[in-house]
Amino acid sequence: MSRIWENIVLGAGASGLMLCSLLKNRRDTLLLEKGREIGAKIAISGGGQCNLCNMNPKISDYRGEPQFIEAVIKRFDRRELLKWFENRALKTTLREGGKIFCSGSARDVVDIFAREIEGVTLKKSFEVKRAYREGRHFVVEGEKESFRSKNLIVALGGRSYPKLGGGDTGLQIAESFSHSIVSTAPALTGFTPQKEQFFFRELSGISTYVTLKVGERVFAGDLLFAHRGISGPVVLDASLWWERGEIEIDFLPSFSFDRVRSSKKLLSTVLPLPKRLSKVLIELAGVEDRNCYRLTRGEWKRLEVLGSYRFAPAGTFGYARAEVMRGGVDCAEIDPRTMMSRLEEGLFFIGEVLDVTGRVGGYNFQWAFSSAKVCADTLNGGDNRPTPT
């Protein structure tokens, strides 16, 4: 009879690696990874420096069920997470917006996990074809071999970054065990323009500080014009909540035209914008770029569009350019005390595969690590695990 593992963990990303690092019973744990290397997404995150978490996290910065998210994150919050990494000699740096980065390289984080999972049996380049229960055990099938375990932990992430192994497998496994899936979409990605906004492409490479409104949510930060549309931190944040319809951009936050109405300078030179962008936006407003004092009341009125430019994106840059997937396994069917399925004893879901998604700024790694810690406590025999009914 083939070996029956205590735990099979699917996916060697942020959540899977943290889980394996925290397990007591590592020598009876099998970690299956689709790619050739562990932590591929960690290694490229944050421009190669890895934004581990945020100094000032708020549950409202996540999309998902607030009570569920809070119950999980409070079990392994920012302070405990940083202490865990600091105890392993990782130095961090605080940046704007409370973002906590590695002082060195994201590779340092991957190296820490590589050391911490020592004892776990790691099998790379293993693509899961199917997972199911057979009697008292789970069976995980690959192309040429299969494995059995008492517990199955799905840490496969979502559809983002398909080149790094992102895909549907985790969702398919959840559905095969009758779990509901909250509608998914690319998130933390850029917006593509409608025909009327094709002029965005002419501004490629220009960055400017804006506020951007999606529904009742307002974000502030840098907007970057790109060949495909608009991107930058403020757009990535907005994409988490945008589904369809218009967004509103204020290109002149905290600026008043009253400051420059009597100026003898050209309008394009007094606006607090990159000059090439100023000229395009002035033309968009239907105003001639001339001395400010010569502008008419009607022209000043038309310029107000720069503070409330509205348009409906054609879509997003898609999963290939998305940092994360929005949506996923319905958290109503997961116990936040354990991360175990409420539908299937011994089946766990952690990380991005769940319907929890955070803004830019370290929120998603925090979620991955916190959900892994809750799951590890359960598998380690913690008293948070409910008695099976």
Protein backbone atom coordinates (compact mmCIF):
# COMPACT_ATOMS: atom_id res chain seq x y z
CA MET A 1 0.00 0.00 0.00
CA SER A 2 1.26 3.47 -0.87
CA ARG A 3 2.17 5.82 1.95
CA ILE A 4 -0.61 7.82 3.57
CA TRP A 5 0.65 11.29 4.46
CA GLU A 6 -0.70 13.25 7.40
CA ASN A 7 -0.86 16.44 5.30
CA ILE A 8 -0.70 17.19 1.61
CA VAL A 9 -0.25 20.90 0.86
CA LEU A 10 -1.02 22.04 -2.68
CA GLY A 11 1.01 25.06 -3.71
CA ALA A 12 4.39 26.46 -2.60
CA GLY A 13 3.41 30.11 -2.68
CA ALA A 14 3.16 32.53 0.24
CA SER A 15 0.42 30.71 2.14
CA GLY A 16 1.66 27.17 1.44
CA LEU A 17 5.22 28.00 2.44
CA MET A 18 4.20 29.74 5.65
CA LEU A 19 1.96 26.81 6.55
CA CYS A 20 4.73 24.27 6.05
CA SER A 21 7.13 26.46 8.04
CA LEU A 22 4.77 26.46 11.00
CA LEU A 23 3.84 22.77 11.02
CA LYS A 24 5.20 20.58 13.79
CA ASN A 25 4.73 17.38 11.80
CA ARG A 26 6.82 18.34 8.78
CA ARG A 27 8.24 14.91 8.13
CA ASP A 28 4.74 13.60 7.46
CA THR A 29 3.85 16.52 5.17
CA LEU A 30 4.05 16.49 1.38
CA LEU A 31 4.22 19.82 -0.47
CA LEU A 32 3.27 19.71 -4.15
CA GLU A 33 4.26 22.60 -6.40
CA LYS A 34 3.35 23.07 -10.06
CA GLY A 35 6.41 25.19 -10.89
CA ARG A 36 10.09 24.45 -10.88
CA GLU A 37 10.79 26.74 -7.93
CA ILE A 38 9.07 27.64 -4.69
CA GLY A 39 7.83 31.18 -3.96
CA ALA A 40 7.91 32.37 -7.58
CA LYS A 41 5.35 35.11 -6.96
CA ILE A 42 7.10 36.22 -3.78
CA ALA A 43 10.38 36.58 -5.67
CA ILE A 44 8.98 39.16 -8.12
CA SER A 45 6.69 41.01 -5.74
CA GLY A 46 7.22 44.62 -4.80
CA GLY A 47 9.62 45.16 -7.66
CA GLY A 48 11.76 42.35 -6.30
CA GLN A 49 11.72 43.61 -2.70
CA CYS A 50 8.49 42.07 -1.39
CA ASN A 51 5.95 44.23 0.43
CA LEU A 52 5.41 41.87 3.37
CA CYS A 53 2.60 43.69 5.15
CA ASN A 54 1.30 47.12 6.14
CA MET A 55 1.95 49.13 9.30
CA ASN A 56 -1.61 50.48 9.42
CA PRO A 57 -3.92 47.66 8.26
CA LYS A 58 -7.67 48.17 8.21
CA ILE A 59 -10.25 45.51 7.47
CA SER A 60 -11.97 48.00 5.15
CA ASP A 61 -8.89 47.72 2.91
CA TYR A 62 -10.02 44.19 2.03
CA ARG A 63 -12.81 43.04 -0.23
CA GLY A 64 -14.60 40.13 1.41
CA GLU A 65 -16.56 39.30 4.54
CA PRO A 66 -15.19 41.72 7.19
CA GLN A 67 -15.87 39.55 10.23
CA PHE A 68 -14.26 36.52 8.62
CA ILE A 69 -11.18 38.51 7.60
CA GLU A 70 -10.79 40.12 11.01
CA ALA A 71 -11.17 36.80 12.84
CA VAL A 72 -8.28 35.34 10.83
CA ILE A 73 -5.88 38.28 10.73
CA LYS A 74 -6.08 39.02 14.44
CA ARG A 75 -4.69 35.52 15.08
CA PHE A 76 -1.41 36.45 13.34
CA ASP A 77 -1.31 40.19 12.88
CA ARG A 78 1.34 42.52 11.54
CA ARG A 79 3.31 42.61 14.80
CA GLU A 80 3.49 38.82 15.10
CA LEU A 81 4.32 38.44 11.43
CA LEU A 82 7.21 40.90 11.58
CA LYS A 83 8.49 39.32 14.76
CA TRP A 84 8.49 35.93 13.02
CA PHE A 85 10.60 37.27 10.15
CA GLU A 86 12.86 39.35 12.41
CA ASN A 87 13.63 36.21 14.43
CA ARG A 88 14.96 34.79 11.19
CA ALA A 89 17.23 37.80 10.60
CA LEU A 90 15.10 39.48 7.93
CA LYS A 91 15.51 43.26 7.98
CA THR A 92 12.60 45.42 6.87
CA THR A 93 12.02 49.01 5.75
CA LEU A 94 8.97 51.21 6.32
CA ARG A 95 7.87 53.18 3.25
CA GLU A 96 5.16 55.61 2.31
CA GLY A 97 1.62 54.46 3.03
CA GLY A 98 2.76 52.19 5.86
CA LYS A 99 4.19 49.64 3.43
CA ILE A 100 6.76 47.33 5.01
CA PHE A 101 9.32 45.98 2.55
CA CYS A 102 12.33 43.74 2.82
CA SER A 103 15.46 45.87 3.18
CA GLY A 104 17.25 43.54 0.84
CA SER A 105 15.65 41.35 -1.80
CA ALA A 106 12.44 39.36 -2.03
CA ARG A 107 14.73 36.42 -2.57
CA ASP A 108 15.66 36.72 1.11
CA VAL A 109 12.07 35.82 2.02
CA VAL A 110 12.10 32.82 -0.31
CA ASP A 111 15.41 31.69 1.19
CA ILE A 112 13.96 31.88 4.71
CA PHE A 113 11.07 29.68 3.69
CA ALA A 114 13.41 27.24 1.95
CA ARG A 115 15.21 26.78 5.26
CA GLU A 116 12.06 26.71 7.38
CA ILE A 117 10.35 23.95 5.41
CA GLU A 118 13.28 21.59 5.91
CA GLY A 119 11.84 18.20 6.75
CA VAL A 120 8.83 18.66 4.49
CA THR A 121 8.90 16.47 1.39
CA LEU A 122 8.79 18.86 -1.56
CA LYS A 123 7.85 17.70 -5.02
CA LYS A 124 8.21 20.34 -7.77
CA SER A 125 6.81 20.35 -11.30
CA PHE A 126 3.79 18.41 -10.08
CA GLU A 127 0.56 19.54 -11.71
CA VAL A 128 -2.56 18.45 -9.85
CA LYS A 129 -5.10 16.88 -12.18
CA ARG A 130 -7.70 15.85 -9.62
CA ALA A 131 -8.30 15.63 -5.88
CA TYR A 132 -11.04 13.63 -4.21
CA ARG A 133 -11.90 11.65 -1.12
CA GLU A 134 -11.68 7.89 -1.09
CA GLY A 135 -12.90 6.47 2.18
CA ARG A 136 -11.12 8.16 5.08
CA HIS A 137 -8.38 9.69 2.94
CA PHE A 138 -7.87 12.29 0.22
CA VAL A 139 -6.33 11.31 -3.10
CA VAL A 140 -4.35 13.80 -5.19
CA GLU A 141 -3.69 12.71 -8.75
CA GLY A 142 -1.04 14.02 -11.09
CA GLU A 143 -0.14 13.05 -14.63
CA LYS A 144 1.79 9.91 -13.64
CA GLU A 145 1.39 9.40 -9.91
CA SER A 146 -0.97 9.98 -7.04
CA PHE A 147 -0.70 10.54 -3.30
CA ARG A 148 -2.94 9.98 -0.29
CA SER A 149 -3.35 11.96 2.93
CA LYS A 150 -5.50 12.47 6.01
CA ASN A 151 -5.63 16.24 5.49
CA LEU A 152 -5.62 18.22 2.26
CA ILE A 153 -4.67 21.90 2.26
CA VAL A 154 -5.41 23.92 -0.88
CA ALA A 155 -2.98 26.85 -1.17
CA LEU A 156 -2.96 27.09 -4.94
CA GLY A 157 -3.73 30.79 -5.27
CA GLY A 158 -5.91 32.04 -8.09
CA ARG A 159 -5.88 32.90 -11.76
CA SER A 160 -3.42 35.81 -11.57
CA TYR A 161 0.06 35.48 -13.08
CA PRO A 162 -0.59 32.33 -15.15
CA LYS A 163 3.08 32.34 -16.23
CA LEU A 164 4.00 31.75 -12.60
CA GLY A 165 1.52 28.93 -12.16
CA GLY A 166 -1.73 30.78 -11.54
CA GLY A 167 -4.84 28.96 -12.66
CA ASP A 168 -8.20 27.39 -11.84
CA THR A 169 -7.09 24.21 -10.10
CA GLY A 170 -7.82 25.39 -6.56
CA LEU A 171 -11.28 26.57 -7.57
CA GLN A 172 -11.96 23.31 -9.41
CA ILE A 173 -11.01 21.30 -6.35
CA ALA A 174 -13.31 23.42 -4.21
CA GLU A 175 -16.20 22.90 -6.64
CA SER A 176 -15.56 19.16 -6.73
CA PHE A 177 -16.24 19.15 -2.97
CA SER A 178 -19.47 21.14 -3.52
CA HIS A 179 -18.04 24.50 -2.45
CA SER A 180 -19.54 27.69 -3.86
CA ILE A 181 -17.32 30.09 -5.80
CA VAL A 182 -17.82 33.84 -5.59
CA SER A 183 -17.45 35.32 -9.09
CA THR A 184 -13.79 35.94 -9.90
CA ALA A 185 -12.06 38.74 -11.82
CA PRO A 186 -8.56 40.20 -12.25
CA ALA A 187 -7.72 42.69 -9.48
CA LEU A 188 -4.88 45.08 -8.69
CA THR A 189 -4.43 45.66 -12.39
CA GLY A 190 -4.78 48.45 -14.94
CA PHE A 191 -7.78 49.72 -16.90
CA THR A 192 -8.08 49.61 -20.68
CA PRO A 193 -9.74 52.62 -22.36
CA GLN A 194 -12.76 53.07 -24.57
CA LYS A 195 -12.17 54.61 -28.00
CA GLU A 196 -12.82 58.08 -26.56
CA GLN A 197 -9.88 57.63 -24.19
CA PHE A 198 -7.36 56.30 -26.70
CA PHE A 199 -5.42 59.54 -26.11
CA PHE A 200 -4.24 57.89 -22.87
CA ARG A 201 -1.82 55.86 -24.96
CA GLU A 202 -0.17 59.02 -26.30
CA LEU A 203 0.71 59.89 -22.71
CA SER A 204 2.45 56.59 -22.01
CA GLY A 205 5.15 56.93 -19.38
CA ILE A 206 3.67 59.98 -17.65
CA SER A 207 2.79 59.65 -13.96
CA THR A 208 0.75 62.11 -11.90
CA TYR A 209 -0.89 62.24 -8.47
CA VAL A 210 -4.71 62.01 -8.61
CA THR A 211 -7.74 60.98 -6.63
CA LEU A 212 -9.92 58.33 -8.22
CA LYS A 213 -13.49 57.49 -7.28
CA VAL A 214 -15.21 54.12 -7.78
CA GLY A 215 -18.74 54.14 -6.41
CA GLU A 216 -18.46 55.57 -2.91
CA ARG A 217 -14.77 54.69 -2.50
CA VAL A 218 -12.11 57.31 -3.12
CA PHE A 219 -8.43 56.47 -3.62
CA ALA A 220 -5.43 58.77 -3.80
CA GLY A 221 -2.08 58.04 -5.36
CA ASP A 222 -0.03 57.99 -8.53
CA LEU A 223 -1.70 57.25 -11.86
CA LEU A 224 0.53 55.99 -14.65
CA PHE A 225 -0.38 56.27 -18.31
CA ALA A 226 0.60 53.11 -20.18
CA HIS A 227 0.43 51.75 -23.74
CA ARG A 228 -2.60 49.67 -22.79
CA GLY A 229 -4.41 52.34 -20.76
CA ILE A 230 -3.87 53.54 -17.20
CA SER A 231 -2.13 51.87 -14.28
CA GLY A 232 -0.23 52.88 -11.15
CA PRO A 233 -1.05 52.28 -7.46
CA VAL A 234 -4.26 54.33 -7.40
CA VAL A 235 -5.65 52.47 -10.42
CA LEU A 236 -4.66 49.08 -9.04
CA ASP A 237 -6.53 49.86 -5.81
CA ALA A 238 -9.59 51.05 -7.73
CA SER A 239 -9.65 47.88 -9.85
CA LEU A 240 -10.35 45.85 -6.72
CA TRP A 241 -13.81 47.40 -6.45
CA TRP A 242 -14.61 48.32 -10.06
CA GLU A 243 -16.92 45.91 -11.86
CA ARG A 244 -18.49 48.01 -14.60
CA GLY A 245 -19.60 51.59 -15.23
CA GLU A 246 -17.86 54.90 -14.76
CA ILE A 247 -14.96 55.93 -12.60
CA GLU A 248 -14.11 59.55 -11.80
CA ILE A 249 -10.59 61.04 -11.81
CA ASP A 250 -9.58 64.33 -10.20
CA PHE A 251 -6.36 65.34 -11.93
CA LEU A 252 -6.06 68.43 -9.70
CA PRO A 253 -6.69 67.36 -6.10
CA SER A 254 -6.26 70.24 -3.62
CA PHE A 255 -5.74 72.74 -6.43
CA SER A 256 -7.95 75.79 -6.98
CA PHE A 257 -8.14 77.73 -10.25
CA ASP A 258 -8.62 80.86 -8.14
CA ARG A 259 -4.86 80.81 -7.51
CA VAL A 260 -4.03 81.44 -11.15
CA ARG A 261 -6.96 83.29 -12.71
CA SER A 262 -5.02 86.55 -12.88
CA SER A 263 -1.68 84.99 -13.86
CA LYS A 264 0.06 86.20 -17.01
CA LYS A 265 1.55 82.73 -17.54
CA LEU A 266 0.22 80.16 -19.97
CA LEU A 267 -2.41 77.88 -18.46
CA SER A 268 -0.32 74.77 -19.23
CA THR A 269 2.57 76.13 -17.15
CA VAL A 270 0.60 76.92 -13.99
CA LEU A 271 -1.26 73.63 -13.64
CA PRO A 272 0.52 71.25 -11.19
CA LEU A 273 0.81 68.55 -13.84
CA PRO A 274 3.47 67.27 -16.25
CA LYS A 275 3.36 69.81 -19.09
CA ARG A 276 2.53 67.29 -21.81
CA LEU A 277 -0.41 66.07 -19.73
CA SER A 278 -1.53 69.66 -19.05
CA LYS A 279 -1.70 70.41 -22.75
CA VAL A 280 -3.71 67.27 -23.51
CA LEU A 281 -6.19 67.87 -20.69
CA ILE A 282 -6.63 71.54 -21.59
CA GLU A 283 -7.41 70.49 -25.15
CA LEU A 284 -9.78 67.83 -23.80
CA ALA A 285 -11.66 70.59 -21.95
CA GLY A 286 -12.02 72.55 -25.19
CA VAL A 287 -9.93 75.47 -23.94
CA GLU A 288 -7.11 77.29 -25.73
CA ASP A 289 -3.76 77.24 -23.94
CA ARG A 290 -3.17 80.94 -23.38
CA ASN A 291 -2.48 83.47 -20.63
CA CYS A 292 -4.65 82.71 -17.64
CA TYR A 293 -5.94 86.27 -17.23
CA ARG A 294 -7.32 86.15 -20.78
CA LEU A 295 -9.52 83.09 -20.19
CA THR A 296 -13.27 83.67 -20.12
CA ARG A 297 -15.67 82.62 -17.38
CA GLY A 298 -17.00 79.93 -19.73
CA GLU A 299 -13.52 78.54 -20.30
CA TRP A 300 -12.81 78.37 -16.58
CA LYS A 301 -16.08 76.53 -16.22
CA ARG A 302 -15.12 73.99 -18.87
CA LEU A 303 -11.79 73.41 -17.12
CA GLU A 304 -13.67 72.01 -14.13
CA VAL A 305 -13.77 68.68 -15.98
CA LEU A 306 -10.13 68.22 -14.95
CA GLY A 307 -11.33 67.79 -11.39
CA SER A 308 -14.07 65.30 -12.21
CA TYR A 309 -13.17 63.47 -15.42
CA ARG A 310 -15.57 60.55 -15.79
CA PHE A 311 -15.32 57.57 -18.11
CA ALA A 312 -16.18 53.88 -18.18
CA PRO A 313 -13.13 51.62 -18.69
CA ALA A 314 -13.46 49.07 -21.46
CA GLY A 315 -12.02 46.49 -19.09
CA THR A 316 -8.81 45.61 -17.26
CA PHE A 317 -5.37 44.40 -18.27
CA GLY A 318 -6.52 40.87 -17.41
CA TYR A 319 -5.10 38.05 -15.31
CA ALA A 320 -1.72 38.12 -17.06
CA ARG A 321 -1.04 41.54 -15.54
CA ALA A 322 -3.16 41.26 -12.40
CA GLU A 323 -1.38 40.99 -9.05
CA VAL A 324 -4.25 38.98 -7.56
CA MET A 325 -7.60 37.38 -8.28
CA ARG A 326 -10.77 38.86 -6.80
CA GLY A 327 -13.41 36.41 -5.61
CA GLY A 328 -12.86 32.73 -4.92
CA VAL A 329 -14.05 30.07 -2.50
CA ASP A 330 -17.02 31.37 -0.53
CA CYS A 331 -15.83 32.12 3.02
CA ALA A 332 -19.28 31.34 4.43
CA GLU A 333 -18.33 27.70 3.87
CA ILE A 334 -14.99 27.97 5.70
CA ASP A 335 -14.49 28.04 9.48
CA PRO A 336 -12.32 31.10 10.33
CA ARG A 337 -11.16 29.39 13.55
CA THR A 338 -9.48 26.61 11.56
CA MET A 339 -9.56 27.43 7.81
CA MET A 340 -11.24 24.04 7.40
CA SER A 341 -14.16 23.44 5.08
CA ARG A 342 -17.53 23.35 6.75
CA LEU A 343 -18.53 20.81 4.11
CA GLU A 344 -15.64 18.36 4.20
CA GLU A 345 -13.68 17.23 7.29
CA GLY A 346 -9.92 17.57 6.79
CA LEU A 347 -10.13 19.87 3.75
CA PHE A 348 -8.56 23.32 4.21
CA PHE A 349 -8.31 26.46 2.06
CA ILE A 350 -5.80 29.26 2.65
CA GLY A 351 -4.52 32.33 0.80
CA GLU A 352 -5.68 33.81 -2.48
CA VAL A 353 -7.98 30.93 -3.43
CA LEU A 354 -10.47 32.30 -0.89
CA ASP A 355 -12.81 35.22 -1.48
CA VAL A 356 -10.57 37.70 0.33
CA THR A 357 -8.58 40.34 -1.57
CA GLY A 358 -6.69 43.34 -0.24
CA ARG A 359 -5.48 46.63 -1.67
CA VAL A 360 -1.93 47.35 -2.79
CA GLY A 361 0.37 47.69 0.19
CA GLY A 362 1.14 44.29 1.69
CA TYR A 363 -2.44 43.34 2.54
CA ASN A 364 -2.54 40.19 0.42
CA PHE A 365 0.68 38.72 1.81
CA GLN A 366 -0.63 39.46 5.28
CA TRP A 367 -3.78 37.50 4.44
CA ALA A 368 -1.76 34.61 3.01
CA PHE A 369 0.45 34.39 6.10
CA SER A 370 -2.38 34.88 8.62
CA SER A 371 -4.65 32.25 7.06
CA ALA A 372 -1.68 29.86 6.97
CA LYS A 373 -1.03 30.43 10.68
CA VAL A 374 -4.64 29.66 11.63
CA CYS A 375 -4.53 26.47 9.56
CA ALA A 376 -1.16 25.47 11.05
CA ASP A 377 -2.47 25.93 14.59
CA THR A 378 -5.30 23.57 13.75
CA LEU A 379 -3.10 20.92 12.17
CA ASN A 380 -0.71 21.20 15.10
CA GLY A 381 -3.51 20.15 17.40
CA GLY A 382 -4.57 23.55 18.71
CA ASP A 383 -7.79 23.78 20.69
CA ASN A 384 -9.30 26.05 18.05
CA ARG A 385 -10.39 23.01 16.04
CA PRO A 386 -14.07 22.20 16.66
CA THR A 387 -15.18 18.71 17.51
CA PRO A 388 -16.45 17.00 14.31
CA THR A 389 -20.21 16.51 14.23
